[in-house]
């Protein structure tokens, strides 16, 4: 089983940057895929980015070129570097991990981008 704890959210002006962290309990070497999703008020949860155990990444078109996903297995931590933030990036961001075909979620961290 895996427990995920996000941190790093907050309030930032448009054009600014934030880095989200996702601390995983247990060894990350067993985690097949880590990812970030987000959910804005009144909208469905949507994929932001994923990274496999081999380092392959995938991004939503809306964040390509602005966000970077990474993972540090030695620190049991995943990251989402968010640059050039826009007001439409405002949402609760959730870390997720897939371990042996089971998906786990963190509690979420709020990101608010002011115009």
N, C-alpha and C. Protein backbone atom coordinates (compact mmCIF):
# COMPACT_ATOMS: atom_id res chain seq x y z
N UNK A 1 0.84 -1.19 0.00
CA UNK A 1 0.00 0.00 0.00
C UNK A 1 0.88 1.24 0.00
N UNK A 2 0.34 2.33 -0.54
CA UNK A 2 1.09 3.58 -0.66
C UNK A 2 0.25 4.72 -0.10
N UNK A 3 0.87 5.58 0.67
CA UNK A 3 0.24 6.82 1.10
C UNK A 3 0.97 7.98 0.46
N UNK A 4 0.21 8.93 -0.04
CA UNK A 4 0.77 10.07 -0.76
C UNK A 4 0.38 11.36 -0.07
N UNK A 5 1.35 12.25 0.13
CA UNK A 5 1.10 13.53 0.78
C UNK A 5 1.67 14.63 -0.10
N UNK A 6 0.77 15.51 -0.58
CA UNK A 6 1.19 16.63 -1.43
C UNK A 6 1.54 17.84 -0.59
N UNK A 7 2.40 18.68 -1.14
CA UNK A 7 2.71 19.96 -0.53
C UNK A 7 3.19 20.91 -1.63
N UNK A 8 3.26 22.19 -1.28
CA UNK A 8 3.79 23.17 -2.22
C UNK A 8 2.77 24.04 -2.90
N UNK A 9 1.49 23.79 -2.65
CA UNK A 9 0.48 24.64 -3.25
C UNK A 9 0.46 26.01 -2.60
N UNK A 10 -0.33 26.90 -3.20
CA UNK A 10 -0.44 28.24 -2.64
C UNK A 10 -1.00 29.22 -3.62
N UNK A 11 -0.85 30.49 -3.30
CA UNK A 11 -1.34 31.58 -4.13
C UNK A 11 -0.16 32.22 -4.85
N UNK A 12 -0.32 32.39 -6.16
CA UNK A 12 0.75 32.98 -6.96
C UNK A 12 0.13 33.85 -8.03
N UNK A 13 0.85 34.86 -8.45
CA UNK A 13 0.37 35.72 -9.53
C UNK A 13 0.59 35.05 -10.88
N UNK A 14 -0.21 35.43 -11.84
CA UNK A 14 -0.04 34.91 -13.20
C UNK A 14 1.38 35.17 -13.68
N UNK A 15 1.94 34.16 -14.33
CA UNK A 15 3.32 34.25 -14.78
C UNK A 15 4.33 33.70 -13.78
N UNK A 16 3.87 33.43 -12.58
CA UNK A 16 4.75 32.93 -11.54
C UNK A 16 4.95 31.43 -11.61
N UNK A 17 5.64 30.90 -10.61
CA UNK A 17 5.98 29.48 -10.57
C UNK A 17 5.69 28.89 -9.20
N UNK A 18 5.40 27.60 -9.20
CA UNK A 18 5.27 26.82 -7.98
C UNK A 18 5.84 25.44 -8.25
N UNK A 19 6.31 24.79 -7.20
CA UNK A 19 6.72 23.39 -7.32
C UNK A 19 5.95 22.57 -6.30
N UNK A 20 5.20 21.63 -6.80
CA UNK A 20 4.47 20.71 -5.95
C UNK A 20 5.32 19.48 -5.67
N UNK A 21 5.19 18.97 -4.46
CA UNK A 21 5.89 17.75 -4.08
C UNK A 21 4.87 16.71 -3.65
N UNK A 22 5.22 15.47 -3.87
CA UNK A 22 4.37 14.34 -3.47
C UNK A 22 5.26 13.32 -2.77
N UNK A 23 5.13 13.25 -1.46
CA UNK A 23 5.92 12.32 -0.67
C UNK A 23 5.17 11.00 -0.55
N UNK A 24 5.84 9.93 -0.92
CA UNK A 24 5.22 8.60 -0.90
C UNK A 24 5.77 7.77 0.25
N UNK A 25 4.88 7.11 0.96
CA UNK A 25 5.33 6.17 1.98
C UNK A 25 5.77 4.89 1.29
N UNK A 26 6.75 4.23 1.82
CA UNK A 26 7.23 3.03 1.17
C UNK A 26 8.15 3.35 0.01
N UNK A 27 8.60 2.33 -0.66
CA UNK A 27 9.57 2.50 -1.73
C UNK A 27 8.89 2.89 -3.03
N UNK A 28 9.42 3.91 -3.66
CA UNK A 28 8.87 4.35 -4.93
C UNK A 28 9.31 3.46 -6.07
N UNK A 29 10.28 2.60 -5.82
CA UNK A 29 10.76 1.75 -6.89
C UNK A 29 9.67 0.79 -7.36
N UNK A 30 8.70 0.53 -6.50
CA UNK A 30 7.60 -0.37 -6.86
C UNK A 30 6.45 0.35 -7.55
N UNK A 31 6.50 1.67 -7.56
CA UNK A 31 5.43 2.45 -8.17
C UNK A 31 5.63 2.50 -9.68
N UNK A 32 4.64 2.00 -10.42
CA UNK A 32 4.78 1.93 -11.87
C UNK A 32 4.65 3.32 -12.50
N UNK A 33 3.59 4.02 -12.13
CA UNK A 33 3.32 5.33 -12.71
C UNK A 33 2.97 6.31 -11.60
N UNK A 34 3.58 7.47 -11.65
CA UNK A 34 3.16 8.58 -10.79
C UNK A 34 2.57 9.66 -11.67
N UNK A 35 1.64 10.40 -11.10
CA UNK A 35 1.05 11.45 -11.91
C UNK A 35 0.41 12.53 -11.08
N UNK A 36 -0.01 13.55 -11.77
CA UNK A 36 -0.73 14.66 -11.16
C UNK A 36 -2.01 14.89 -11.95
N UNK A 37 -3.09 15.05 -11.22
CA UNK A 37 -4.36 15.45 -11.77
C UNK A 37 -4.77 16.75 -11.09
N UNK A 38 -5.74 17.43 -11.67
CA UNK A 38 -6.27 18.63 -11.03
C UNK A 38 -7.76 18.71 -11.24
N UNK A 39 -8.40 19.41 -10.31
CA UNK A 39 -9.84 19.60 -10.40
C UNK A 39 -10.19 21.02 -10.01
N UNK A 40 -10.74 21.74 -10.96
CA UNK A 40 -11.20 23.11 -10.72
C UNK A 40 -12.66 23.07 -10.27
N UNK A 41 -13.12 24.10 -9.58
CA UNK A 41 -14.51 24.12 -9.12
C UNK A 41 -15.50 23.93 -10.26
N UNK A 42 -16.42 23.01 -10.09
CA UNK A 42 -17.44 22.77 -11.10
C UNK A 42 -16.98 21.98 -12.30
N UNK A 43 -15.74 21.51 -12.27
CA UNK A 43 -15.21 20.75 -13.41
C UNK A 43 -14.77 19.36 -12.98
N UNK A 44 -14.63 18.50 -13.97
CA UNK A 44 -14.16 17.14 -13.68
C UNK A 44 -12.65 17.14 -13.44
N UNK A 45 -12.22 16.12 -12.69
CA UNK A 45 -10.78 15.96 -12.47
C UNK A 45 -10.13 15.63 -13.81
N UNK A 46 -9.00 16.26 -14.10
CA UNK A 46 -8.33 16.04 -15.37
C UNK A 46 -6.85 15.74 -15.17
N UNK A 47 -6.33 14.97 -16.13
CA UNK A 47 -4.92 14.62 -16.09
C UNK A 47 -4.06 15.85 -16.37
N UNK A 48 -2.98 15.98 -15.60
CA UNK A 48 -2.01 17.04 -15.85
C UNK A 48 -0.74 16.43 -16.45
N UNK A 49 -0.17 15.45 -15.77
CA UNK A 49 1.07 14.84 -16.25
C UNK A 49 1.29 13.51 -15.56
N UNK A 50 2.02 12.62 -16.24
CA UNK A 50 2.39 11.34 -15.65
C UNK A 50 3.85 11.04 -15.97
N UNK A 51 4.45 10.17 -15.14
CA UNK A 51 5.81 9.72 -15.36
C UNK A 51 5.89 8.26 -14.95
N UNK A 52 6.50 7.46 -15.81
CA UNK A 52 6.62 6.03 -15.53
C UNK A 52 7.89 5.74 -14.72
N UNK A 53 8.00 4.51 -14.30
CA UNK A 53 9.20 4.12 -13.55
C UNK A 53 10.46 4.23 -14.42
N UNK A 54 10.26 4.18 -15.73
CA UNK A 54 11.40 4.32 -16.65
C UNK A 54 11.70 5.75 -17.03
N UNK A 55 10.87 6.67 -16.55
CA UNK A 55 11.12 8.09 -16.81
C UNK A 55 10.37 8.68 -17.99
N UNK A 56 9.53 7.88 -18.62
CA UNK A 56 8.73 8.43 -19.73
C UNK A 56 7.65 9.34 -19.19
N UNK A 57 7.46 10.47 -19.84
CA UNK A 57 6.50 11.47 -19.36
C UNK A 57 5.40 11.71 -20.38
N UNK A 58 4.28 12.20 -19.85
CA UNK A 58 3.14 12.53 -20.68
C UNK A 58 2.48 13.75 -20.05
N UNK A 59 2.06 14.71 -20.90
CA UNK A 59 1.48 15.95 -20.41
C UNK A 59 0.18 16.26 -21.12
N UNK A 60 -0.71 16.91 -20.41
CA UNK A 60 -1.89 17.48 -21.04
C UNK A 60 -1.43 18.60 -21.96
N UNK A 61 -2.14 18.78 -23.06
CA UNK A 61 -1.77 19.82 -24.02
C UNK A 61 -1.74 21.20 -23.36
N UNK A 62 -2.61 21.41 -22.40
CA UNK A 62 -2.73 22.73 -21.78
C UNK A 62 -1.52 23.12 -20.94
N UNK A 63 -0.68 22.14 -20.56
CA UNK A 63 0.46 22.45 -19.70
C UNK A 63 1.80 22.16 -20.37
N UNK A 64 1.77 21.63 -21.56
CA UNK A 64 3.02 21.31 -22.27
C UNK A 64 3.88 22.55 -22.42
N UNK A 65 5.16 22.40 -22.12
CA UNK A 65 6.08 23.52 -22.24
C UNK A 65 6.12 24.42 -21.02
N UNK A 66 5.17 24.22 -20.09
CA UNK A 66 5.13 25.05 -18.87
C UNK A 66 5.37 24.22 -17.61
N UNK A 67 4.88 22.99 -17.60
CA UNK A 67 5.00 22.13 -16.43
C UNK A 67 6.00 21.03 -16.71
N UNK A 68 6.69 20.59 -15.66
CA UNK A 68 7.63 19.48 -15.76
C UNK A 68 7.41 18.53 -14.59
N UNK A 69 7.18 17.26 -14.92
CA UNK A 69 7.01 16.24 -13.90
C UNK A 69 8.32 15.49 -13.73
N UNK A 70 8.63 15.13 -12.50
CA UNK A 70 9.85 14.36 -12.23
C UNK A 70 9.64 13.51 -10.98
N UNK A 71 10.55 12.60 -10.75
CA UNK A 71 10.48 11.76 -9.56
C UNK A 71 11.88 11.46 -9.08
N UNK A 72 12.04 11.40 -7.77
CA UNK A 72 13.31 11.05 -7.16
C UNK A 72 13.06 9.81 -6.31
N UNK A 73 13.38 8.66 -6.86
CA UNK A 73 13.07 7.41 -6.17
C UNK A 73 13.84 7.29 -4.86
N UNK A 74 15.04 7.83 -4.81
CA UNK A 74 15.84 7.74 -3.59
C UNK A 74 15.19 8.51 -2.44
N UNK A 75 14.45 9.57 -2.78
CA UNK A 75 13.79 10.38 -1.77
C UNK A 75 12.31 10.03 -1.63
N UNK A 76 11.85 9.04 -2.39
CA UNK A 76 10.43 8.67 -2.36
C UNK A 76 9.52 9.86 -2.61
N UNK A 77 9.90 10.69 -3.55
CA UNK A 77 9.17 11.93 -3.79
C UNK A 77 9.00 12.20 -5.28
N UNK A 78 7.82 12.66 -5.64
CA UNK A 78 7.57 13.12 -6.99
C UNK A 78 7.36 14.62 -6.99
N UNK A 79 7.56 15.24 -8.14
CA UNK A 79 7.48 16.69 -8.22
C UNK A 79 6.70 17.12 -9.46
N UNK A 80 6.12 18.31 -9.36
CA UNK A 80 5.53 18.97 -10.51
C UNK A 80 5.99 20.42 -10.48
N UNK A 81 6.90 20.77 -11.38
CA UNK A 81 7.36 22.14 -11.50
C UNK A 81 6.41 22.87 -12.45
N UNK A 82 5.82 23.94 -11.97
CA UNK A 82 4.84 24.68 -12.76
C UNK A 82 5.34 26.09 -12.99
N UNK A 83 5.59 26.42 -14.24
CA UNK A 83 6.06 27.74 -14.62
C UNK A 83 5.01 28.44 -15.48
N UNK A 84 5.17 29.74 -15.62
CA UNK A 84 4.27 30.54 -16.46
C UNK A 84 2.81 30.23 -16.12
N UNK A 85 2.51 30.25 -14.85
CA UNK A 85 1.16 29.88 -14.42
C UNK A 85 0.12 30.87 -14.91
N UNK A 86 -1.06 30.33 -15.19
CA UNK A 86 -2.18 31.12 -15.69
C UNK A 86 -3.36 30.98 -14.73
N UNK A 87 -4.27 31.94 -14.73
CA UNK A 87 -5.44 31.83 -13.85
C UNK A 87 -6.22 30.53 -14.08
N UNK A 88 -6.23 30.04 -15.30
CA UNK A 88 -6.95 28.79 -15.59
C UNK A 88 -6.26 27.55 -15.02
N UNK A 89 -5.07 27.71 -14.46
CA UNK A 89 -4.41 26.61 -13.77
C UNK A 89 -4.91 26.46 -12.33
N UNK A 90 -5.73 27.39 -11.89
CA UNK A 90 -6.28 27.33 -10.54
C UNK A 90 -7.10 26.06 -10.35
N UNK A 91 -6.75 25.28 -9.34
CA UNK A 91 -7.42 24.01 -9.08
C UNK A 91 -6.82 23.36 -7.84
N UNK A 92 -7.46 22.29 -7.40
CA UNK A 92 -6.84 21.41 -6.42
C UNK A 92 -6.04 20.37 -7.20
N UNK A 93 -4.78 20.23 -6.86
CA UNK A 93 -3.90 19.31 -7.55
C UNK A 93 -3.71 18.05 -6.70
N UNK A 94 -3.90 16.92 -7.35
CA UNK A 94 -3.81 15.62 -6.67
C UNK A 94 -2.67 14.80 -7.22
N UNK A 95 -1.89 14.23 -6.33
CA UNK A 95 -0.86 13.28 -6.72
C UNK A 95 -1.50 11.89 -6.77
N UNK A 96 -1.06 11.09 -7.72
CA UNK A 96 -1.57 9.74 -7.85
C UNK A 96 -0.43 8.80 -8.17
N UNK A 97 -0.59 7.56 -7.74
CA UNK A 97 0.42 6.54 -8.01
C UNK A 97 -0.26 5.22 -8.28
N UNK A 98 0.30 4.47 -9.23
CA UNK A 98 -0.21 3.14 -9.55
C UNK A 98 0.81 2.12 -9.09
N UNK A 99 0.35 1.22 -8.24
CA UNK A 99 1.20 0.17 -7.69
C UNK A 99 0.49 -1.16 -7.85
N UNK A 100 1.09 -2.04 -8.64
CA UNK A 100 0.49 -3.36 -8.88
C UNK A 100 -0.98 -3.23 -9.27
N UNK A 101 -1.24 -2.35 -10.23
CA UNK A 101 -2.56 -2.16 -10.82
C UNK A 101 -3.57 -1.50 -9.88
N UNK A 102 -3.13 -1.01 -8.76
CA UNK A 102 -4.01 -0.28 -7.84
C UNK A 102 -3.61 1.19 -7.83
N UNK A 103 -4.60 2.07 -7.97
CA UNK A 103 -4.31 3.51 -7.99
C UNK A 103 -4.54 4.10 -6.61
N UNK A 104 -3.63 4.91 -6.19
CA UNK A 104 -3.71 5.62 -4.92
C UNK A 104 -3.72 7.12 -5.17
N UNK A 105 -4.39 7.85 -4.25
CA UNK A 105 -4.50 9.30 -4.37
C UNK A 105 -4.03 9.99 -3.10
N UNK A 106 -3.46 11.18 -3.28
CA UNK A 106 -3.20 12.04 -2.15
C UNK A 106 -4.43 12.86 -1.81
N UNK A 107 -4.29 13.71 -0.80
CA UNK A 107 -5.44 14.48 -0.32
C UNK A 107 -5.65 15.75 -1.13
N UNK A 108 -4.68 16.15 -1.91
CA UNK A 108 -4.80 17.33 -2.75
C UNK A 108 -4.18 18.56 -2.12
N UNK A 109 -3.73 19.47 -2.99
CA UNK A 109 -3.18 20.75 -2.54
C UNK A 109 -3.71 21.84 -3.46
N UNK A 110 -4.14 22.95 -2.86
CA UNK A 110 -4.77 24.02 -3.63
C UNK A 110 -3.72 24.90 -4.30
N UNK A 111 -3.93 25.15 -5.57
CA UNK A 111 -3.12 26.11 -6.32
C UNK A 111 -4.06 27.19 -6.83
N UNK A 112 -3.76 28.44 -6.50
CA UNK A 112 -4.58 29.57 -6.94
C UNK A 112 -3.69 30.56 -7.66
N UNK A 113 -4.06 30.89 -8.89
CA UNK A 113 -3.29 31.82 -9.69
C UNK A 113 -4.14 33.07 -9.91
N UNK A 114 -3.65 34.18 -9.44
CA UNK A 114 -4.39 35.44 -9.58
C UNK A 114 -3.96 36.16 -10.84
N UNK A 115 -4.92 36.89 -11.42
CA UNK A 115 -4.63 37.61 -12.67
C UNK A 115 -4.11 39.00 -12.39
